Amino acid sequence: MYHVPLERLPVSNIKVLFSALILGVIFLGCAAMGVPATSDPDKKIGYAYMLFDRQQRPLPAERLIREAIEIYQEKNNDLGLAEAYRAYGFFFRSGALEKWHKHYESDGFMEEGATYANRHEKSIEYFEKSAAIFEKHHKNDALTNVHLNMGFTYEFANQPEKACDEYKKSLVSNQLHIKENPGVTFTLPEGFSSYEAYVTPMMDRLKCVK
């Protein structure tokens, strides 16, 4: 690309160029640039995770999640809706929101009533919606994950007692899943031989009553 030195541009052109650059930066944060257009809600959720988790671009991610929710609702796809709600729970807890906190503090979210200050409450709200559906369909593997992440969110929100409750629920869901699926294996962080061994240190740290 040919570079035009700014010092050789008339002042009026410099202002136009800077305006274009600023708009470009804003557009990069807001638009889902580099994400293929799709009507598949599963793909929308996948792209949303990529945007807010790996690329620190939460603005277009929220739009994709909401579009997926609408499609799942129209199709009466309960489990798809549960996955979309779970994604929204992760979104509201995402570290990417901290990077864009000035935007969210001034302009808020697409979600009505959501603010930067109550983002953890919104995270819990959507994890709870997800858990309710997974519970109805007896998806104890998914419930293991949802309750675990509700526990994490409560920790971030400085509510250790509620975090303890969710960690306990996660363990119960995990035990039910093992009972229903003998021989099932799990992908755990290195150094842990079982899911219980993974969760127990978290509960010990919070001095949870077992």
C-alpha atoms as a PDB file:
ATOM      1  CA  MET A   1       0.000   0.000   0.000  1.00  0.00           C
ATOM      2  CA  TYR A   2       1.317   3.456  -0.923  1.00  0.00           C
ATOM      3  CA  HIS A   3       1.909   5.616   2.134  1.00  0.00           C
ATOM      4  CA  VAL A   4       1.186   9.344   1.874  1.00  0.00           C
ATOM      5  CA  PRO A   5       3.325  11.277   4.385  1.00  0.00           C
ATOM      6  CA  LEU A   6       1.020  13.318   6.630  1.00  0.00           C
ATOM      7  CA  GLU A   7       3.291  16.348   6.508  1.00  0.00           C
ATOM      8  CA  ARG A   8       2.661  16.668   2.749  1.00  0.00           C
ATOM      9  CA  LEU A   9      -1.127  16.706   3.071  1.00  0.00           C
ATOM     10  CA  PRO A  10      -3.179  19.898   3.362  1.00  0.00           C
ATOM     11  CA  VAL A  11      -4.595  20.408   6.859  1.00  0.00           C
ATOM     12  CA  SER A  12      -8.146  19.701   5.666  1.00  0.00           C
ATOM     13  CA  ASN A  13      -7.046  16.367   4.193  1.00  0.00           C
ATOM     14  CA  ILE A  14      -5.225  15.436   7.396  1.00  0.00           C
ATOM     15  CA  LYS A  15      -8.454  15.945   9.353  1.00  0.00           C
ATOM     16  CA  VAL A  16     -10.342  13.754   6.901  1.00  0.00           C
ATOM     17  CA  LEU A  17      -7.668  11.057   7.122  1.00  0.00           C
ATOM     18  CA  PHE A  18      -7.673  11.048  10.930  1.00  0.00           C
ATOM     19  CA  SER A  19     -11.473  10.885  10.959  1.00  0.00           C
ATOM     20  CA  ALA A  20     -11.351   7.886   8.633  1.00  0.00           C
ATOM     21  CA  LEU A  21      -8.759   6.166  10.824  1.00  0.00           C
ATOM     22  CA  ILE A  22     -10.825   6.713  13.968  1.00  0.00           C
ATOM     23  CA  LEU A  23     -13.959   5.399  12.283  1.00  0.00           C
ATOM     24  CA  GLY A  24     -11.981   2.400  11.078  1.00  0.00           C
ATOM     25  CA  VAL A  25     -10.864   1.535  14.606  1.00  0.00           C
ATOM     26  CA  ILE A  26     -14.416   1.854  15.932  1.00  0.00           C
ATOM     27  CA  PHE A  27     -15.749  -0.250  13.068  1.00  0.00           C
ATOM     28  CA  LEU A  28     -13.187  -2.956  13.756  1.00  0.00           C
ATOM     29  CA  GLY A  29     -14.468  -3.256  17.316  1.00  0.00           C
ATOM     30  CA  CYS A  30     -18.148  -3.181  16.398  1.00  0.00           C
ATOM     31  CA  ALA A  31     -18.425  -5.139  13.170  1.00  0.00           C
ATOM     32  CA  ALA A  32     -17.788  -8.842  12.775  1.00  0.00           C
ATOM     33  CA  MET A  33     -15.006  -8.293  10.258  1.00  0.00           C
ATOM     34  CA  GLY A  34     -13.373 -11.522   9.162  1.00  0.00           C
ATOM     35  CA  VAL A  35     -16.375 -13.606  10.246  1.00  0.00           C
ATOM     36  CA  PRO A  36     -18.250 -15.377   7.432  1.00  0.00           C
ATOM     37  CA  ALA A  37     -21.934 -14.519   7.171  1.00  0.00           C
ATOM     38  CA  THR A  38     -24.088 -17.439   8.262  1.00  0.00           C
ATOM     39  CA  SER A  39     -27.669 -18.224   9.192  1.00  0.00           C
ATOM     40  CA  ASP A  40     -26.563 -21.282  11.207  1.00  0.00           C
ATOM     41  CA  PRO A  41     -27.044 -20.463  14.914  1.00  0.00           C
ATOM     42  CA  ASP A  42     -24.454 -23.056  15.964  1.00  0.00           C
ATOM     43  CA  LYS A  43     -21.848 -21.304  13.835  1.00  0.00           C
ATOM     44  CA  LYS A  44     -22.922 -17.917  15.163  1.00  0.00           C
ATOM     45  CA  ILE A  45     -22.226 -19.140  18.688  1.00  0.00           C
ATOM     46  CA  GLY A  46     -18.859 -20.535  17.633  1.00  0.00           C
ATOM     47  CA  TYR A  47     -17.890 -17.256  15.988  1.00  0.00           C
ATOM     48  CA  ALA A  48     -19.057 -15.333  19.053  1.00  0.00           C
ATOM     49  CA  TYR A  49     -16.735 -17.342  21.330  1.00  0.00           C
ATOM     50  CA  MET A  50     -13.871 -16.673  18.929  1.00  0.00           C
ATOM     51  CA  LEU A  51     -14.608 -12.947  18.901  1.00  0.00           C
ATOM     52  CA  PHE A  52     -14.890 -12.292  22.632  1.00  0.00           C
ATOM     53  CA  ASP A  53     -12.570 -14.996  23.952  1.00  0.00           C
ATOM     54  CA  ARG A  54      -9.699 -14.992  21.464  1.00  0.00           C
ATOM     55  CA  GLN A  55      -9.944 -11.666  19.634  1.00  0.00           C
ATOM     56  CA  GLN A  56     -11.178  -9.402  22.450  1.00  0.00           C
ATOM     57  CA  ARG A  57     -14.039  -8.148  20.243  1.00  0.00           C
ATOM     58  CA  PRO A  58     -17.153  -8.394  22.401  1.00  0.00           C
ATOM     59  CA  LEU A  59     -19.342  -5.936  20.490  1.00  0.00           C
ATOM     60  CA  PRO A  60     -19.950  -8.087  17.394  1.00  0.00           C
ATOM     61  CA  ALA A  61     -19.940 -11.202  19.587  1.00  0.00           C
ATOM     62  CA  GLU A  62     -22.992 -10.036  21.515  1.00  0.00           C
ATOM     63  CA  ARG A  63     -24.895  -9.418  18.300  1.00  0.00           C
ATOM     64  CA  LEU A  64     -24.148 -12.950  17.070  1.00  0.00           C
ATOM     65  CA  ILE A  65     -25.252 -14.501  20.364  1.00  0.00           C
ATOM     66  CA  ARG A  66     -28.529 -12.602  20.297  1.00  0.00           C
ATOM     67  CA  GLU A  67     -29.134 -13.588  16.678  1.00  0.00           C
ATOM     68  CA  ALA A  68     -28.546 -17.241  17.599  1.00  0.00           C
ATOM     69  CA  ILE A  69     -30.954 -16.979  20.546  1.00  0.00           C
ATOM     70  CA  GLU A  70     -33.654 -15.601  18.266  1.00  0.00           C
ATOM     71  CA  ILE A  71     -33.174 -18.412  15.729  1.00  0.00           C
ATOM     72  CA  TYR A  72     -33.218 -21.143  18.392  1.00  0.00           C
ATOM     73  CA  GLN A  73     -36.401 -19.661  19.852  1.00  0.00           C
ATOM     74  CA  GLU A  74     -38.084 -19.551  16.434  1.00  0.00           C
ATOM     75  CA  LYS A  75     -37.145 -23.197  15.842  1.00  0.00           C
ATOM     76  CA  ASN A  76     -38.120 -24.280  19.375  1.00  0.00           C
ATOM     77  CA  ASN A  77     -34.622 -25.728  19.742  1.00  0.00           C
ATOM     78  CA  ASP A  78     -34.355 -26.066  23.503  1.00  0.00           C
ATOM     79  CA  LEU A  79     -30.829 -27.432  23.726  1.00  0.00           C
ATOM     80  CA  GLY A  80     -29.544 -24.948  21.175  1.00  0.00           C
ATOM     81  CA  LEU A  81     -31.074 -22.187  23.270  1.00  0.00           C
ATOM     82  CA  ALA A  82     -29.357 -23.577  26.362  1.00  0.00           C
ATOM     83  CA  GLU A  83     -26.014 -23.388  24.559  1.00  0.00           C
ATOM     84  CA  ALA A  84     -26.699 -19.808  23.472  1.00  0.00           C
ATOM     85  CA  TYR A  85     -27.626 -18.826  27.023  1.00  0.00           C
ATOM     86  CA  ARG A  86     -24.441 -20.467  28.270  1.00  0.00           C
ATOM     87  CA  ALA A  87     -22.441 -18.464  25.706  1.00  0.00           C
ATOM     88  CA  TYR A  88     -24.121 -15.265  26.915  1.00  0.00           C
ATOM     89  CA  GLY A  89     -23.158 -16.204  30.468  1.00  0.00           C
ATOM     90  CA  PHE A  90     -19.525 -16.541  29.407  1.00  0.00           C
ATOM     91  CA  PHE A  91     -19.788 -13.301  27.428  1.00  0.00           C
ATOM     92  CA  PHE A  92     -20.898 -11.221  30.416  1.00  0.00           C
ATOM     93  CA  ARG A  93     -18.004 -12.616  32.463  1.00  0.00           C
ATOM     94  CA  SER A  94     -15.469 -12.166  29.687  1.00  0.00           C
ATOM     95  CA  GLY A  95     -12.283 -10.242  30.277  1.00  0.00           C
ATOM     96  CA  ALA A  96     -12.846  -8.635  26.880  1.00  0.00           C
ATOM     97  CA  LEU A  97     -15.505  -6.446  28.487  1.00  0.00           C
ATOM     98  CA  GLU A  98     -12.827  -4.847  30.649  1.00  0.00           C
ATOM     99  CA  LYS A  99     -10.963  -3.767  27.527  1.00  0.00           C
ATOM    100  CA  TRP A 100     -14.125  -2.078  26.246  1.00  0.00           C
ATOM    101  CA  HIS A 101     -15.353  -0.846  29.639  1.00  0.00           C
ATOM    102  CA  LYS A 102     -15.545   2.809  28.585  1.00  0.00           C
ATOM    103  CA  HIS A 103     -17.885   1.906  25.743  1.00  0.00           C
ATOM    104  CA  TYR A 104     -20.108  -0.226  27.969  1.00  0.00           C
ATOM    105  CA  GLU A 105     -20.133   2.320  30.790  1.00  0.00           C
ATOM    106  CA  SER A 106     -21.370   5.023  28.419  1.00  0.00           C
ATOM    107  CA  ASP A 107     -23.458   3.064  25.893  1.00  0.00           C
ATOM    108  CA  GLY A 108     -24.404  -0.156  27.669  1.00  0.00           C
ATOM    109  CA  PHE A 109     -25.118  -3.504  26.035  1.00  0.00           C
ATOM    110  CA  MET A 110     -27.652  -4.747  23.507  1.00  0.00           C
ATOM    111  CA  GLU A 111     -29.243  -6.658  26.391  1.00  0.00           C
ATOM    112  CA  GLU A 112     -31.850  -4.455  28.046  1.00  0.00           C
ATOM    113  CA  GLY A 113     -30.966  -3.611  31.632  1.00  0.00           C
ATOM    114  CA  ALA A 114     -27.378  -4.835  31.332  1.00  0.00           C
ATOM    115  CA  THR A 115     -24.662  -2.464  32.509  1.00  0.00           C
ATOM    116  CA  TYR A 116     -20.943  -2.786  33.001  1.00  0.00           C
ATOM    117  CA  ALA A 117     -21.526  -2.662  36.764  1.00  0.00           C
ATOM    118  CA  ASN A 118     -24.049  -5.524  36.789  1.00  0.00           C
ATOM    119  CA  ARG A 119     -22.348  -7.694  34.165  1.00  0.00           C
ATOM    120  CA  HIS A 120     -21.670 -10.497  36.665  1.00  0.00           C
ATOM    121  CA  GLU A 121     -25.343 -10.556  37.642  1.00  0.00           C
ATOM    122  CA  LYS A 122     -26.213 -10.889  33.958  1.00  0.00           C
ATOM    123  CA  SER A 123     -23.674 -13.684  33.603  1.00  0.00           C
ATOM    124  CA  ILE A 124     -25.377 -15.583  36.438  1.00  0.00           C
ATOM    125  CA  GLU A 125     -28.815 -14.864  34.961  1.00  0.00           C
ATOM    126  CA  TYR A 126     -27.913 -16.484  31.658  1.00  0.00           C
ATOM    127  CA  PHE A 127     -26.078 -19.398  33.236  1.00  0.00           C
ATOM    128  CA  GLU A 128     -29.240 -20.025  35.290  1.00  0.00           C
ATOM    129  CA  LYS A 129     -31.390 -19.952  32.152  1.00  0.00           C
ATOM    130  CA  SER A 130     -29.017 -22.421  30.540  1.00  0.00           C
ATOM    131  CA  ALA A 131     -28.995 -24.689  33.599  1.00  0.00           C
ATOM    132  CA  ALA A 132     -32.803 -24.774  33.747  1.00  0.00           C
ATOM    133  CA  ILE A 133     -32.991 -26.161  30.214  1.00  0.00           C
ATOM    134  CA  PHE A 134     -30.156 -28.641  30.689  1.00  0.00           C
ATOM    135  CA  GLU A 135     -31.854 -29.808  33.902  1.00  0.00           C
ATOM    136  CA  LYS A 136     -35.100 -30.424  32.034  1.00  0.00           C
ATOM    137  CA  HIS A 137     -33.256 -32.570  29.498  1.00  0.00           C
ATOM    138  CA  HIS A 138     -31.110 -34.351  32.131  1.00  0.00           C
ATOM    139  CA  LYS A 139     -27.865 -33.107  30.568  1.00  0.00           C
ATOM    140  CA  ASN A 140     -25.649 -33.636  33.588  1.00  0.00           C
ATOM    141  CA  ASP A 141     -22.436 -33.252  31.614  1.00  0.00           C
ATOM    142  CA  ALA A 142     -23.473 -29.736  30.571  1.00  0.00           C
ATOM    143  CA  LEU A 143     -24.771 -28.984  34.068  1.00  0.00           C
ATOM    144  CA  THR A 144     -21.370 -29.912  35.486  1.00  0.00           C
ATOM    145  CA  ASN A 145     -19.834 -27.157  33.383  1.00  0.00           C
ATOM    146  CA  VAL A 146     -22.564 -24.561  33.894  1.00  0.00           C
ATOM    147  CA  HIS A 147     -22.581 -24.866  37.691  1.00  0.00           C
ATOM    148  CA  LEU A 148     -18.786 -24.741  37.752  1.00  0.00           C
ATOM    149  CA  ASN A 149     -18.797 -21.499  35.789  1.00  0.00           C
ATOM    150  CA  MET A 150     -21.556 -20.027  37.898  1.00  0.00           C
ATOM    151  CA  GLY A 151     -19.235 -20.692  40.810  1.00  0.00           C
ATOM    152  CA  PHE A 152     -16.417 -18.850  39.061  1.00  0.00           C
ATOM    153  CA  THR A 153     -18.701 -15.898  38.353  1.00  0.00           C
ATOM    154  CA  TYR A 154     -19.861 -15.718  41.962  1.00  0.00           C
ATOM    155  CA  GLU A 155     -16.207 -15.679  43.003  1.00  0.00           C
ATOM    156  CA  PHE A 156     -15.534 -12.767  40.660  1.00  0.00           C
ATOM    157  CA  ALA A 157     -18.559 -11.029  42.186  1.00  0.00           C
ATOM    158  CA  ASN A 158     -17.171 -11.612  45.712  1.00  0.00           C
ATOM    159  CA  GLN A 159     -19.988 -13.930  46.768  1.00  0.00           C
ATOM    160  CA  PRO A 160     -18.057 -16.944  48.124  1.00  0.00           C
ATOM    161  CA  GLU A 161     -21.013 -18.703  49.776  1.00  0.00           C
ATOM    162  CA  LYS A 162     -22.953 -18.807  46.512  1.00  0.00           C
ATOM    163  CA  ALA A 163     -19.785 -19.898  44.716  1.00  0.00           C
ATOM    164  CA  CYS A 164     -19.521 -22.811  47.152  1.00  0.00           C
ATOM    165  CA  ASP A 165     -23.114 -23.817  46.444  1.00  0.00           C
ATOM    166  CA  GLU A 166     -22.450 -23.915  42.706  1.00  0.00           C
ATOM    167  CA  TYR A 167     -19.241 -25.914  43.076  1.00  0.00           C
ATOM    168  CA  LYS A 168     -21.191 -28.475  45.114  1.00  0.00           C
ATOM    169  CA  LYS A 169     -23.912 -28.629  42.458  1.00  0.00           C
ATOM    170  CA  SER A 170     -21.235 -29.111  39.823  1.00  0.00           C
ATOM    171  CA  LEU A 171     -19.831 -32.092  41.710  1.00  0.00           C
ATOM    172  CA  VAL A 172     -23.296 -33.625  42.094  1.00  0.00           C
ATOM    173  CA  SER A 173     -23.998 -33.207  38.374  1.00  0.00           C
ATOM    174  CA  ASN A 174     -20.658 -34.774  37.569  1.00  0.00           C
ATOM    175  CA  GLN A 175     -21.366 -37.765  39.810  1.00  0.00           C
ATOM    176  CA  LEU A 176     -24.780 -38.253  38.180  1.00  0.00           C
ATOM    177  CA  HIS A 177     -23.194 -38.099  34.747  1.00  0.00           C
ATOM    178  CA  ILE A 178     -20.656 -40.767  35.721  1.00  0.00           C
ATOM    179  CA  LYS A 179     -23.415 -42.959  37.163  1.00  0.00           C
ATOM    180  CA  GLU A 180     -25.427 -42.658  33.943  1.00  0.00           C
ATOM    181  CA  ASN A 181     -22.376 -43.175  31.727  1.00  0.00           C
ATOM    182  CA  PRO A 182     -20.031 -45.751  33.314  1.00  0.00           C
ATOM    183  CA  GLY A 183     -16.514 -45.525  31.971  1.00  0.00           C
ATOM    184  CA  VAL A 184     -16.917 -41.972  30.701  1.00  0.00           C
ATOM    185  CA  THR A 185     -13.676 -39.984  30.608  1.00  0.00           C
ATOM    186  CA  PHE A 186     -13.070 -36.264  31.071  1.00  0.00           C
ATOM    187  CA  THR A 187     -10.551 -33.787  29.755  1.00  0.00           C
ATOM    188  CA  LEU A 188      -9.047 -32.232  32.869  1.00  0.00           C
ATOM    189  CA  PRO A 189      -6.241 -29.744  33.458  1.00  0.00           C
ATOM    190  CA  GLU A 190      -2.855 -31.386  33.821  1.00  0.00           C
ATOM    191  CA  GLY A 191      -2.178 -32.788  37.259  1.00  0.00           C
ATOM    192  CA  PHE A 192      -5.745 -33.769  38.171  1.00  0.00           C
ATOM    193  CA  SER A 193      -6.855 -37.386  38.199  1.00  0.00           C
ATOM    194  CA  SER A 194     -10.573 -36.720  38.638  1.00  0.00           C
ATOM    195  CA  TYR A 195     -13.101 -33.925  38.433  1.00  0.00           C
ATOM    196  CA  GLU A 196     -13.511 -33.996  42.201  1.00  0.00           C
ATOM    197  CA  ALA A 197      -9.757 -33.526  42.596  1.00  0.00           C
ATOM    198  CA  TYR A 198     -10.021 -30.491  40.310  1.00  0.00           C
ATOM    199  CA  VAL A 199     -12.906 -28.815  42.181  1.00  0.00           C
ATOM    200  CA  THR A 200     -11.879 -29.635  45.764  1.00  0.00           C
ATOM    201  CA  PRO A 201      -9.018 -27.072  45.949  1.00  0.00           C
ATOM    202  CA  MET A 202     -11.453 -24.325  44.901  1.00  0.00           C
ATOM    203  CA  MET A 203     -13.812 -25.313  47.696  1.00  0.00           C
ATOM    204  CA  ASP A 204     -10.938 -25.522  50.175  1.00  0.00           C
ATOM    205  CA  ARG A 205      -9.759 -22.059  49.160  1.00  0.00           C
ATOM    206  CA  LEU A 206     -13.200 -20.616  49.920  1.00  0.00           C
ATOM    207  CA  LYS A 207     -13.529 -22.732  53.076  1.00  0.00           C
ATOM    208  CA  CYS A 208     -16.739 -24.242  51.754  1.00  0.00           C
ATOM    209  CA  VAL A 209     -18.715 -26.403  54.169  1.00  0.00           C
ATOM    210  CA  LYS A 210     -18.727 -29.893  52.651  1.00  0.00           C
END
